Amino acid sequence: MNTIIAVSSEGPGLDDAVDPRFGRAAGFVVVDGAGGTRYLDNGGSQAMAHGAGIESARRIAEAGAKVLLSGVVGPKAASALAAAGVAVVEGMEGLTVGEAVARYRAGQGA
C-alpha cells in the first residue's frame, strides 16, 4: 500500500500514543507506503485561539497524506480534510501510532 498516512501523535515516533485531539495535537507522524516516517510539529496550531483544526488540515494535505488517523476530528476540520481528498478515520485513541497504522492497513480502522 503506497498511501501516505498521517496520525495525530503525542510524540514523533511509531511507539508514541495517538493524540486523541486533531487540531491541537502535539504533532503528526506521517508514514509513507514504505514505512518511512517524518514528524510534523503542531505547536503553532496548538497556540491558535481559533482555526487550529483547519490549519492542521491544511498542513496534513500539504504533506501529501491521503488518510488521517486520529481520536476526534471537529466538523470544520473534517470538512477541510474532505475537500482536500483526505479520508478521516476516528477512534484511534488508546493505540500507539504504529498500532493505529497497522490496524488501518489491516482494514480494521477503515
PDB file of N, CA and C in Angstrom:
ATOM      1  N   MET A   1       0.843  -1.180   0.000  1.00  0.00           N
ATOM      2  CA  MET A   1       0.000   0.000   0.000  1.00  0.00           C
ATOM      3  C   MET A   1       0.886   1.240   0.000  1.00  0.00           C
ATOM      4  N   ASN A   2       0.703   2.123  -0.977  1.00  0.00           N
ATOM      5  CA  ASN A   2       1.534   3.307  -1.117  1.00  0.00           C
ATOM      6  C   ASN A   2       0.901   4.560  -0.542  1.00  0.00           C
ATOM      7  N   THR A   3      -0.231   4.426   0.111  1.00  0.00           N
ATOM      8  CA  THR A   3      -0.932   5.568   0.660  1.00  0.00           C
ATOM      9  C   THR A   3      -0.135   6.211   1.785  1.00  0.00           C
ATOM     10  N   ILE A   4      -0.035   7.537   1.744  1.00  0.00           N
ATOM     11  CA  ILE A   4       0.606   8.278   2.830  1.00  0.00           C
ATOM     12  C   ILE A   4      -0.436   8.498   3.916  1.00  0.00           C
ATOM     13  N   ILE A   5      -0.081   8.119   5.141  1.00  0.00           N
ATOM     14  CA  ILE A   5      -0.985   8.183   6.285  1.00  0.00           C
ATOM     15  C   ILE A   5      -0.425   9.161   7.304  1.00  0.00           C
ATOM     16  N   ALA A   6      -1.256  10.067   7.794  1.00  0.00           N
ATOM     17  CA  ALA A   6      -0.874  10.968   8.880  1.00  0.00           C
ATOM     18  C   ALA A   6      -1.620  10.539  10.133  1.00  0.00           C
ATOM     19  N   VAL A   7      -0.932  10.590  11.270  1.00  0.00           N
ATOM     20  CA  VAL A   7      -1.530  10.176  12.540  1.00  0.00           C
ATOM     21  C   VAL A   7      -1.304  11.276  13.561  1.00  0.00           C
ATOM     22  N   SER A   8      -2.379  11.743  14.219  1.00  0.00           N
ATOM     23  CA  SER A   8      -2.193  12.717  15.298  1.00  0.00           C
ATOM     24  C   SER A   8      -1.456  12.011  16.429  1.00  0.00           C
ATOM     25  N   SER A   9      -0.383  12.635  16.895  1.00  0.00           N
ATOM     26  CA  SER A   9       0.513  11.925  17.804  1.00  0.00           C
ATOM     27  C   SER A   9       0.969  12.803  18.959  1.00  0.00           C
ATOM     28  N   GLU A  10       1.222  12.148  20.084  1.00  0.00           N
ATOM     29  CA  GLU A  10       1.762  12.843  21.251  1.00  0.00           C
ATOM     30  C   GLU A  10       3.279  12.957  21.184  1.00  0.00           C
ATOM     31  N   GLY A  11       3.899  12.347  20.180  1.00  0.00           N
ATOM     32  CA  GLY A  11       5.349  12.393  20.018  1.00  0.00           C
ATOM     33  C   GLY A  11       5.733  12.053  18.594  1.00  0.00           C
ATOM     34  N   PRO A  12       7.043  12.025  18.301  1.00  0.00           N
ATOM     35  CA  PRO A  12       7.500  11.910  16.919  1.00  0.00           C
ATOM     36  C   PRO A  12       7.653  10.502  16.343  1.00  0.00           C
ATOM     37  N   GLY A  13       7.325   9.457  17.109  1.00  0.00           N
ATOM     38  CA  GLY A  13       7.627   8.117  16.621  1.00  0.00           C
ATOM     39  C   GLY A  13       6.449   7.171  16.591  1.00  0.00           C
ATOM     40  N   LEU A  14       6.690   6.006  16.032  1.00  0.00           N
ATOM     41  CA  LEU A  14       5.650   4.981  15.925  1.00  0.00           C
ATOM     42  C   LEU A  14       5.238   4.415  17.272  1.00  0.00           C
ATOM     43  N   ASP A  15       6.107   4.515  18.281  1.00  0.00           N
ATOM     44  CA  ASP A  15       5.782   3.996  19.611  1.00  0.00           C
ATOM     45  C   ASP A  15       5.074   5.019  20.489  1.00  0.00           C
ATOM     46  N   ASP A  16       4.890   6.236  19.985  1.00  0.00           N
ATOM     47  CA  ASP A  16       4.183   7.258  20.753  1.00  0.00           C
ATOM     48  C   ASP A  16       2.681   7.061  20.629  1.00  0.00           C
ATOM     49  N   ALA A  17       1.948   7.581  21.608  1.00  0.00           N
ATOM     50  CA  ALA A  17       0.497   7.426  21.638  1.00  0.00           C
ATOM     51  C   ALA A  17      -0.176   8.307  20.595  1.00  0.00           C
ATOM     52  N   VAL A  18      -1.280   7.806  20.054  1.00  0.00           N
ATOM     53  CA  VAL A  18      -2.131   8.625  19.197  1.00  0.00           C
ATOM     54  C   VAL A  18      -2.700   9.738  20.070  1.00  0.00           C
ATOM     55  N   ASP A  19      -2.569  10.975  19.613  1.00  0.00           N
ATOM     56  CA  ASP A  19      -3.167  12.100  20.339  1.00  0.00           C
ATOM     57  C   ASP A  19      -4.658  12.080  20.026  1.00  0.00           C
ATOM     58  N   PRO A  20      -5.519  12.058  21.047  1.00  0.00           N
ATOM     59  CA  PRO A  20      -6.954  11.975  20.779  1.00  0.00           C
ATOM     60  C   PRO A  20      -7.515  13.227  20.111  1.00  0.00           C
ATOM     61  N   ARG A  21      -6.764  14.328  20.152  1.00  0.00           N
ATOM     62  CA  ARG A  21      -7.211  15.578  19.527  1.00  0.00           C
ATOM     63  C   ARG A  21      -6.612  15.657  18.127  1.00  0.00           C
ATOM     64  N   PHE A  22      -7.266  16.380  17.244  1.00  0.00           N
ATOM     65  CA  PHE A  22      -6.686  16.606  15.923  1.00  0.00           C
ATOM     66  C   PHE A  22      -6.071  17.997  15.837  1.00  0.00           C
ATOM     67  N   GLY A  23      -6.876  19.025  15.877  1.00  0.00           N
ATOM     68  CA  GLY A  23      -6.382  20.381  15.664  1.00  0.00           C
ATOM     69  C   GLY A  23      -5.329  20.823  16.653  1.00  0.00           C
ATOM     70  N   ARG A  24      -5.442  20.369  17.868  1.00  0.00           N
ATOM     71  CA  ARG A  24      -4.475  20.753  18.902  1.00  0.00           C
ATOM     72  C   ARG A  24      -3.576  19.587  19.315  1.00  0.00           C
ATOM     73  N   ALA A  25      -3.430  18.621  18.427  1.00  0.00           N
ATOM     74  CA  ALA A  25      -2.495  17.511  18.678  1.00  0.00           C
ATOM     75  C   ALA A  25      -1.083  18.063  18.803  1.00  0.00           C
ATOM     76  N   ALA A  26      -0.236  17.352  19.541  1.00  0.00           N
ATOM     77  CA  ALA A  26       1.162  17.777  19.677  1.00  0.00           C
ATOM     78  C   ALA A  26       1.839  17.810  18.313  1.00  0.00           C
ATOM     79  N   GLY A  27       1.487  16.861  17.459  1.00  0.00           N
ATOM     80  CA  GLY A  27       2.072  16.800  16.122  1.00  0.00           C
ATOM     81  C   GLY A  27       1.478  15.655  15.338  1.00  0.00           C
ATOM     82  N   PHE A  28       2.081  15.380  14.195  1.00  0.00           N
ATOM     83  CA  PHE A  28       1.591  14.332  13.310  1.00  0.00           C
ATOM     84  C   PHE A  28       2.758  13.507  12.805  1.00  0.00           C
ATOM     85  N   VAL A  29       2.635  12.197  12.933  1.00  0.00           N
ATOM     86  CA  VAL A  29       3.602  11.302  12.318  1.00  0.00           C
ATOM     87  C   VAL A  29       3.048  10.976  10.933  1.00  0.00           C
ATOM     88  N   VAL A  30       3.852  11.220   9.914  1.00  0.00           N
ATOM     89  CA  VAL A  30       3.458  10.947   8.536  1.00  0.00           C
ATOM     90  C   VAL A  30       4.216   9.699   8.093  1.00  0.00           C
ATOM     91  N   VAL A  31       3.454   8.674   7.701  1.00  0.00           N
ATOM     92  CA  VAL A  31       4.028   7.380   7.332  1.00  0.00           C
ATOM     93  C   VAL A  31       3.811   7.163   5.840  1.00  0.00           C
ATOM     94  N   ASP A  32       4.911   6.918   5.118  1.00  0.00           N
ATOM     95  CA  ASP A  32       4.776   6.671   3.683  1.00  0.00           C
ATOM     96  C   ASP A  32       4.534   5.189   3.418  1.00  0.00           C
ATOM     97  N   GLY A  33       4.318   4.848   2.167  1.00  0.00           N
ATOM     98  CA  GLY A  33       3.988   3.476   1.794  1.00  0.00           C
ATOM     99  C   GLY A  33       5.070   2.468   2.103  1.00  0.00           C
ATOM    100  N   ALA A  34       6.321   2.926   2.208  1.00  0.00           N
ATOM    101  CA  ALA A  34       7.436   2.027   2.512  1.00  0.00           C
ATOM    102  C   ALA A  34       7.709   1.933   4.009  1.00  0.00           C
ATOM    103  N   GLY A  35       6.907   2.624   4.815  1.00  0.00           N
ATOM    104  CA  GLY A  35       7.091   2.587   6.261  1.00  0.00           C
ATOM    105  C   GLY A  35       7.995   3.674   6.802  1.00  0.00           C
ATOM    106  N   GLY A  36       8.513   4.531   5.930  1.00  0.00           N
ATOM    107  CA  GLY A  36       9.322   5.662   6.383  1.00  0.00           C
ATOM    108  C   GLY A  36       8.449   6.679   7.099  1.00  0.00           C
ATOM    109  N   THR A  37       9.019   7.378   8.066  1.00  0.00           N
ATOM    110  CA  THR A  37       8.237   8.347   8.827  1.00  0.00           C
ATOM    111  C   THR A  37       8.921   9.706   8.857  1.00  0.00           C
ATOM    112  N   ARG A  38       8.091  10.720   9.052  1.00  0.00           N
ATOM    113  CA  ARG A  38       8.586  12.059   9.374  1.00  0.00           C
ATOM    114  C   ARG A  38       7.583  12.681  10.326  1.00  0.00           C
ATOM    115  N   TYR A  39       8.026  13.698  11.035  1.00  0.00           N
ATOM    116  CA  TYR A  39       7.187  14.294  12.074  1.00  0.00           C
ATOM    117  C   TYR A  39       6.886  15.743  11.734  1.00  0.00           C
ATOM    118  N   LEU A  40       5.623  16.109  11.834  1.00  0.00           N
ATOM    119  CA  LEU A  40       5.200  17.492  11.676  1.00  0.00           C
ATOM    120  C   LEU A  40       4.817  18.023  13.049  1.00  0.00           C
ATOM    121  N   ASP A  41       5.616  18.933  13.588  1.00  0.00           N
ATOM    122  CA  ASP A  41       5.293  19.542  14.877  1.00  0.00           C
ATOM    123  C   ASP A  41       4.072  20.443  14.693  1.00  0.00           C
ATOM    124  N   ASN A  42       3.159  20.411  15.639  1.00  0.00           N
ATOM    125  CA  ASN A  42       1.915  21.166  15.531  1.00  0.00           C
ATOM    126  C   ASN A  42       1.842  22.282  16.561  1.00  0.00           C
ATOM    127  N   GLY A  43       2.982  22.701  17.092  1.00  0.00           N
ATOM    128  CA  GLY A  43       3.000  23.728  18.125  1.00  0.00           C
ATOM    129  C   GLY A  43       2.307  25.013  17.724  1.00  0.00           C
ATOM    130  N   GLY A  44       2.441  25.409  16.468  1.00  0.00           N
ATOM    131  CA  GLY A  44       1.800  26.638  16.008  1.00  0.00           C
ATOM    132  C   GLY A  44       0.290  26.564  16.089  1.00  0.00           C
ATOM    133  N   SER A  45      -0.284  25.446  15.728  1.00  0.00           N
ATOM    134  CA  SER A  45      -1.738  25.298  15.786  1.00  0.00           C
ATOM    135  C   SER A  45      -2.233  25.173  17.219  1.00  0.00           C
ATOM    136  N   GLN A  46      -1.425  24.577  18.095  1.00  0.00           N
ATOM    137  CA  GLN A  46      -1.827  24.439  19.495  1.00  0.00           C
ATOM    138  C   GLN A  46      -2.064  25.799  20.131  1.00  0.00           C
ATOM    139  N   ALA A  47      -1.319  26.803  19.703  1.00  0.00           N
ATOM    140  CA  ALA A  47      -1.398  28.128  20.314  1.00  0.00           C
ATOM    141  C   ALA A  47      -2.487  29.005  19.708  1.00  0.00           C
ATOM    142  N   MET A  48      -3.117  28.572  18.633  1.00  0.00           N
ATOM    143  CA  MET A  48      -4.126  29.395  17.966  1.00  0.00           C
ATOM    144  C   MET A  48      -5.405  29.474  18.792  1.00  0.00           C
ATOM    145  N   ALA A  49      -5.995  30.665  18.854  1.00  0.00           N
ATOM    146  CA  ALA A  49      -7.258  30.837  19.571  1.00  0.00           C
ATOM    147  C   ALA A  49      -8.412  30.195  18.799  1.00  0.00           C
ATOM    148  N   HIS A  50      -8.366  30.302  17.489  1.00  0.00           N
ATOM    149  CA  HIS A  50      -9.415  29.749  16.622  1.00  0.00           C
ATOM    150  C   HIS A  50      -8.770  29.193  15.366  1.00  0.00           C
ATOM    151  N   GLY A  51      -9.401  28.215  14.757  1.00  0.00           N
ATOM    152  CA  GLY A  51      -8.949  27.717  13.464  1.00  0.00           C
ATOM    153  C   GLY A  51      -7.836  26.693  13.502  1.00  0.00           C
ATOM    154  N   ALA A  52      -7.563  26.129  14.678  1.00  0.00           N
ATOM    155  CA  ALA A  52      -6.469  25.157  14.783  1.00  0.00           C
ATOM    156  C   ALA A  52      -6.724  23.928  13.908  1.00  0.00           C
ATOM    157  N   GLY A  53      -7.946  23.462  13.879  1.00  0.00           N
ATOM    158  CA  GLY A  53      -8.264  22.277  13.087  1.00  0.00           C
ATOM    159  C   GLY A  53      -8.109  22.513  11.596  1.00  0.00           C
ATOM    160  N   ILE A  54      -8.550  23.672  11.136  1.00  0.00           N
ATOM    161  CA  ILE A  54      -8.438  23.995   9.714  1.00  0.00           C
ATOM    162  C   ILE A  54      -6.972  24.152   9.322  1.00  0.00           C
ATOM    163  N   GLU A  55      -6.180  24.799  10.164  1.00  0.00           N
ATOM    164  CA  GLU A  55      -4.749  24.951   9.891  1.00  0.00           C
ATOM    165  C   GLU A  55      -4.055  23.589   9.881  1.00  0.00           C
ATOM    166  N   SER A  56      -4.401  22.729  10.824  1.00  0.00           N
ATOM    167  CA  SER A  56      -3.815  21.385  10.854  1.00  0.00           C
ATOM    168  C   SER A  56      -4.212  20.599   9.611  1.00  0.00           C
ATOM    169  N   ALA A  57      -5.458  20.747   9.173  1.00  0.00           N
ATOM    170  CA  ALA A  57      -5.921  20.066   7.960  1.00  0.00           C
ATOM    171  C   ALA A  57      -5.110  20.517   6.751  1.00  0.00           C
ATOM    172  N   ARG A  58      -4.833  21.812   6.663  1.00  0.00           N
ATOM    173  CA  ARG A  58      -4.033  22.340   5.557  1.00  0.00           C
ATOM    174  C   ARG A  58      -2.645  21.704   5.548  1.00  0.00           C
ATOM    175  N   ARG A  59      -2.037  21.609   6.719  1.00  0.00           N
ATOM    176  CA  ARG A  59      -0.697  21.042   6.817  1.00  0.00           C
ATOM    177  C   ARG A  59      -0.681  19.556   6.449  1.00  0.00           C
ATOM    178  N   ILE A  60      -1.712  18.830   6.858  1.00  0.00           N
ATOM    179  CA  ILE A  60      -1.804  17.401   6.531  1.00  0.00           C
ATOM    180  C   ILE A  60      -1.925  17.225   5.016  1.00  0.00           C
ATOM    181  N   ALA A  61      -2.764  18.039   4.392  1.00  0.00           N
ATOM    182  CA  ALA A  61      -2.932  17.957   2.938  1.00  0.00           C
ATOM    183  C   ALA A  61      -1.628  18.311   2.227  1.00  0.00           C
ATOM    184  N   GLU A  62      -0.941  19.350   2.690  1.00  0.00           N
ATOM    185  CA  GLU A  62       0.331  19.750   2.077  1.00  0.00           C
ATOM    186  C   GLU A  62       1.395  18.663   2.219  1.00  0.00           C
ATOM    187  N   ALA A  63       1.290  17.856   3.268  1.00  0.00           N
ATOM    188  CA  ALA A  63       2.248  16.765   3.478  1.00  0.00           C
ATOM    189  C   ALA A  63       1.992  15.593   2.532  1.00  0.00           C
ATOM    190  N   GLY A  64       0.881  15.650   1.788  1.00  0.00           N
ATOM    191  CA  GLY A  64       0.576  14.597   0.824  1.00  0.00           C
ATOM    192  C   GLY A  64      -0.205  13.429   1.386  1.00  0.00           C
ATOM    193  N   ALA A  65      -0.673  13.557   2.624  1.00  0.00           N
ATOM    194  CA  ALA A  65      -1.425  12.458   3.235  1.00  0.00           C
ATOM    195  C   ALA A  65      -2.772  12.279   2.542  1.00  0.00           C
ATOM    196  N   LYS A  66      -3.171  11.037   2.391  1.00  0.00           N
ATOM    197  CA  LYS A  66      -4.485  10.709   1.839  1.00  0.00           C
ATOM    198  C   LYS A  66      -5.403  10.129   2.902  1.00  0.00           C
ATOM    199  N   VAL A  67      -4.822   9.818   4.077  1.00  0.00           N
ATOM    200  CA  VAL A  67      -5.580   9.263   5.199  1.00  0.00           C
ATOM    201  C   VAL A  67      -5.094   9.939   6.470  1.00  0.00           C
ATOM    202  N   LEU A  68      -6.026  10.277   7.359  1.00  0.00           N
ATOM    203  CA  LEU A  68      -5.695  10.783   8.686  1.00  0.00           C
ATOM    204  C   LEU A  68      -6.285   9.841   9.719  1.00  0.00           C
ATOM    205  N   LEU A  69      -5.458   9.401  10.658  1.00  0.00           N
ATOM    206  CA  LEU A  69      -5.914   8.591  11.789  1.00  0.00           C
ATOM    207  C   LEU A  69      -5.824   9.461  13.028  1.00  0.00           C
ATOM    208  N   SER A  70      -6.902   9.517  13.815  1.00  0.00           N
ATOM    209  CA  SER A  70      -6.924  10.381  14.993  1.00  0.00           C
ATOM    210  C   SER A  70      -7.958   9.867  15.983  1.00  0.00           C
ATOM    211  N   GLY A  71      -8.099  10.611  17.062  1.00  0.00           N
ATOM    212  CA  GLY A  71      -9.141  10.316  18.028  1.00  0.00           C
ATOM    213  C   GLY A  71     -10.446  10.926  17.552  1.00  0.00           C
ATOM    214  N   VAL A  72     -10.518  12.265  17.649  1.00  0.00           N
ATOM    215  CA  VAL A  72     -11.715  13.001  17.255  1.00  0.00           C
ATOM    216  C   VAL A  72     -11.300  14.163  16.360  1.00  0.00           C
ATOM    217  N   VAL A  73     -12.044  14.368  15.279  1.00  0.00           N
ATOM    218  CA  VAL A  73     -11.807  15.483  14.365  1.00  0.00           C
ATOM    219  C   VAL A  73     -13.077  16.321  14.346  1.00  0.00           C
ATOM    220  N   GLY A  74     -12.939  17.618  14.594  1.00  0.00           N
ATOM    221  CA  GLY A  74     -14.094  18.510  14.600  1.00  0.00           C
ATOM    222  C   GLY A  74     -14.700  18.670  13.215  1.00  0.00           C
ATOM    223  N   PRO A  75     -15.939  19.181  13.155  1.00  0.00           N
ATOM    224  CA  PRO A  75     -16.647  19.257  11.874  1.00  0.00           C
ATOM    225  C   PRO A  75     -15.992  20.177  10.843  1.00  0.00           C
ATOM    226  N   LYS A  76     -15.440  21.307  11.259  1.00  0.00           N
ATOM    227  CA  LYS A  76     -14.800  22.214  10.294  1.00  0.00           C
ATOM    228  C   LYS A  76     -13.529  21.591   9.736  1.00  0.00           C
ATOM    229  N   ALA A  77     -12.745  20.974  10.605  1.00  0.00           N
ATOM    230  CA  ALA A  77     -11.523  20.307  10.149  1.00  0.00           C
ATOM    231  C   ALA A  77     -11.872  19.126   9.249  1.00  0.00           C
ATOM    232  N   ALA A  78     -12.913  18.373   9.604  1.00  0.00           N
ATOM    233  CA  ALA A  78     -13.328  17.231   8.782  1.00  0.00           C
ATOM    234  C   ALA A  78     -13.735  17.692   7.386  1.00  0.00           C
ATOM    235  N   SER A  79     -14.433  18.817   7.304  1.00  0.00           N
ATOM    236  CA  SER A  79     -14.826  19.361   6.001  1.00  0.00           C
ATOM    237  C   SER A  79     -13.609  19.786   5.193  1.00  0.00           C
ATOM    238  N   ALA A  80     -12.643  20.434   5.857  1.00  0.00           N
ATOM    239  CA  ALA A  80     -11.423  20.870   5.168  1.00  0.00           C
ATOM    240  C   ALA A  80     -10.625  19.669   4.674  1.00  0.00           C
ATOM    241  N   LEU A  81     -10.546  18.626   5.490  1.00  0.00           N
ATOM    242  CA  LEU A  81      -9.830  17.415   5.084  1.00  0.00           C
ATOM    243  C   LEU A  81     -10.533  16.737   3.905  1.00  0.00           C
ATOM    244  N   ALA A  82     -11.855  16.640   3.973  1.00  0.00           N
ATOM    245  CA  ALA A  82     -12.616  16.022   2.880  1.00  0.00           C
ATOM    246  C   ALA A  82     -12.421  16.803   1.583  1.00  0.00           C
ATOM    247  N   ALA A  83     -12.443  18.135   1.670  1.00  0.00           N
ATOM    248  CA  ALA A  83     -12.246  18.969   0.483  1.00  0.00           C
ATOM    249  C   ALA A  83     -10.864  18.757  -0.126  1.00  0.00           C
ATOM    250  N   ALA A  84      -9.890  18.410   0.716  1.00  0.00           N
ATOM    251  CA  ALA A  84      -8.520  18.167   0.250  1.00  0.00           C
ATOM    252  C   ALA A  84      -8.301  16.717  -0.179  1.00  0.00           C
ATOM    253  N   GLY A  85      -9.350  15.889  -0.088  1.00  0.00           N
ATOM    254  CA  GLY A  85      -9.231  14.496  -0.505  1.00  0.00           C
ATOM    255  C   GLY A  85      -8.575  13.594   0.519  1.00  0.00           C
ATOM    256  N   VAL A  86      -8.627  13.998   1.792  1.00  0.00           N
ATOM    257  CA  VAL A  86      -8.032  13.201   2.868  1.00  0.00           C
ATOM    258  C   VAL A  86      -9.148  12.455   3.595  1.00  0.00           C
ATOM    259  N   ALA A  87      -9.064  11.134   3.623  1.00  0.00           N
ATOM    260  CA  ALA A  87     -10.037  10.317   4.352  1.00  0.00           C
ATOM    261  C   ALA A  87      -9.715  10.376   5.840  1.00  0.00           C
ATOM    262  N   VAL A  88     -10.732  10.441   6.678  1.00  0.00           N
ATOM    263  CA  VAL A  88     -10.554  10.551   8.125  1.00  0.00           C
ATOM    264  C   VAL A  88     -11.050   9.281   8.798  1.00  0.00           C
ATOM    265  N   VAL A  89     -10.209   8.728   9.672  1.00  0.00           N
ATOM    266  CA  VAL A  89     -10.597   7.579  10.487  1.00  0.00           C
ATOM    267  C   VAL A  89     -10.427   7.997  11.936  1.00  0.00           C
ATOM    268  N   GLU A  90     -11.535   8.063  12.659  1.00  0.00           N
ATOM    269  CA  GLU A  90     -11.507   8.465  14.066  1.00  0.00           C
ATOM    270  C   GLU A  90     -11.520   7.231  14.964  1.00  0.00           C
ATOM    271  N   GLY A  91     -11.384   7.471  16.270  1.00  0.00           N
ATOM    272  CA  GLY A  91     -11.480   6.398  17.248  1.00  0.00           C
ATOM    273  C   GLY A  91     -10.187   5.642  17.469  1.00  0.00           C
ATOM    274  N   MET A  92      -9.057   6.231  17.116  1.00  0.00           N
ATOM    275  CA  MET A  92      -7.766   5.554  17.252  1.00  0.00           C
ATOM    276  C   MET A  92      -7.062   5.856  18.577  1.00  0.00           C
ATOM    277  N   GLU A  93      -7.702   6.635  19.445  1.00  0.00           N
ATOM    278  CA  GLU A  93      -7.083   6.927  20.737  1.00  0.00           C
ATOM    279  C   GLU A  93      -6.892   5.638  21.527  1.00  0.00           C
ATOM    280  N   GLY A  94      -5.879   5.612  22.373  1.00  0.00           N
ATOM    281  CA  GLY A  94      -5.580   4.417  23.154  1.00  0.00           C
ATOM    282  C   GLY A  94      -4.589   3.489  22.467  1.00  0.00           C
ATOM    283  N   LEU A  95      -4.234   3.796  21.233  1.00  0.00           N
ATOM    284  CA  LEU A  95      -3.263   2.999  20.479  1.00  0.00           C
ATOM    285  C   LEU A  95      -1.969   3.785  20.313  1.00  0.00           C
ATOM    286  N   THR A  96      -0.893   3.095  19.980  1.00  0.00           N
ATOM    287  CA  THR A  96       0.302   3.802  19.544  1.00  0.00           C
ATOM    288  C   THR A  96       0.115   4.153  18.065  1.00  0.00           C
ATOM    289  N   VAL A  97       0.952   5.044  17.580  1.00  0.00           N
ATOM    290  CA  VAL A  97       0.900   5.410  16.168  1.00  0.00           C
ATOM    291  C   VAL A  97       1.087   4.168  15.297  1.00  0.00           C
ATOM    292  N   GLY A  98       2.074   3.354  15.631  1.00  0.00           N
ATOM    293  CA  GLY A  98       2.332   2.138  14.861  1.00  0.00           C
ATOM    294  C   GLY A  98       1.153   1.182  14.866  1.00  0.00           C
ATOM    295  N   GLU A  99       0.506   1.035  16.023  1.00  0.00           N
ATOM    296  CA  GLU A  99      -0.668   0.157  16.111  1.00  0.00           C
ATOM    297  C   GLU A  99      -1.816   0.694  15.261  1.00  0.00           C
ATOM    298  N   ALA A 100      -2.017   2.012  15.291  1.00  0.00           N
ATOM    299  CA  ALA A 100      -3.093   2.616  14.508  1.00  0.00           C
ATOM    300  C   ALA A 100      -2.866   2.405  13.013  1.00  0.00           C
ATOM    301  N   VAL A 101      -1.625   2.599  12.570  1.00  0.00           N
ATOM    302  CA  VAL A 101      -1.308   2.400  11.154  1.00  0.00           C
ATOM    303  C   VAL A 101      -1.512   0.936  10.767  1.00  0.00           C
ATOM    304  N   ALA A 102      -1.048   0.023  11.608  1.00  0.00           N
ATOM    305  CA  ALA A 102      -1.213  -1.407  11.321  1.00  0.00           C
ATOM    306  C   ALA A 102      -2.688  -1.782  11.263  1.00  0.00           C
ATOM    307  N   ARG A 103      -3.479  -1.253  12.181  1.00  0.00           N
ATOM    308  CA  ARG A 103      -4.917  -1.542  12.190  1.00  0.00           C
ATOM    309  C   ARG A 103      -5.571  -1.014  10.914  1.00  0.00           C
ATOM    310  N   TYR A 104      -5.219   0.201  10.534  1.00  0.00           N
ATOM    311  CA  TYR A 104      -5.790   0.760   9.307  1.00  0.00           C
ATOM    312  C   TYR A 104      -5.405  -0.090   8.096  1.00  0.00           C
ATOM    313  N   ARG A 105      -4.140  -0.412   7.995  1.00  0.00           N
ATOM    314  CA  ARG A 105      -3.670  -1.189   6.839  1.00  0.00           C
ATOM    315  C   ARG A 105      -4.279  -2.582   6.796  1.00  0.00           C
ATOM    316  N   ALA A 106      -4.641  -3.121   7.954  1.00  0.00           N
ATOM    317  CA  ALA A 106      -5.274  -4.440   8.006  1.00  0.00           C
ATOM    318  C   ALA A 106      -6.772  -4.360   7.715  1.00  0.00           C
ATOM    319  N   GLY A 107      -7.281  -3.135   7.559  1.00  0.00           N
ATOM    320  CA  GLY A 107      -8.689  -2.961   7.244  1.00  0.00           C
ATOM    321  C   GLY A 107      -9.593  -2.855   8.442  1.00  0.00           C
ATOM    322  N   GLN A 108      -9.011  -2.840   9.650  1.00  0.00           N
ATOM    323  CA  GLN A 108      -9.820  -2.772  10.863  1.00  0.00           C
ATOM    324  C   GLN A 108     -10.217  -1.348  11.213  1.00  0.00           C
ATOM    325  N   GLY A 109      -9.521  -0.370  10.665  1.00  0.00           N
ATOM    326  CA  GLY A 109      -9.822   1.012  11.013  1.00  0.00           C
ATOM    327  C   GLY A 109     -10.536   1.757   9.914  1.00  0.00           C
ATOM    328  N   ALA A 110     -10.825   1.085   8.834  1.00  0.00           N
ATOM    329  CA  ALA A 110     -11.454   1.779   7.713  1.00  0.00           C
ATOM    330  C   ALA A 110     -12.959   1.701   7.797  1.00  0.00           C
TER     331      ALA A 110
END
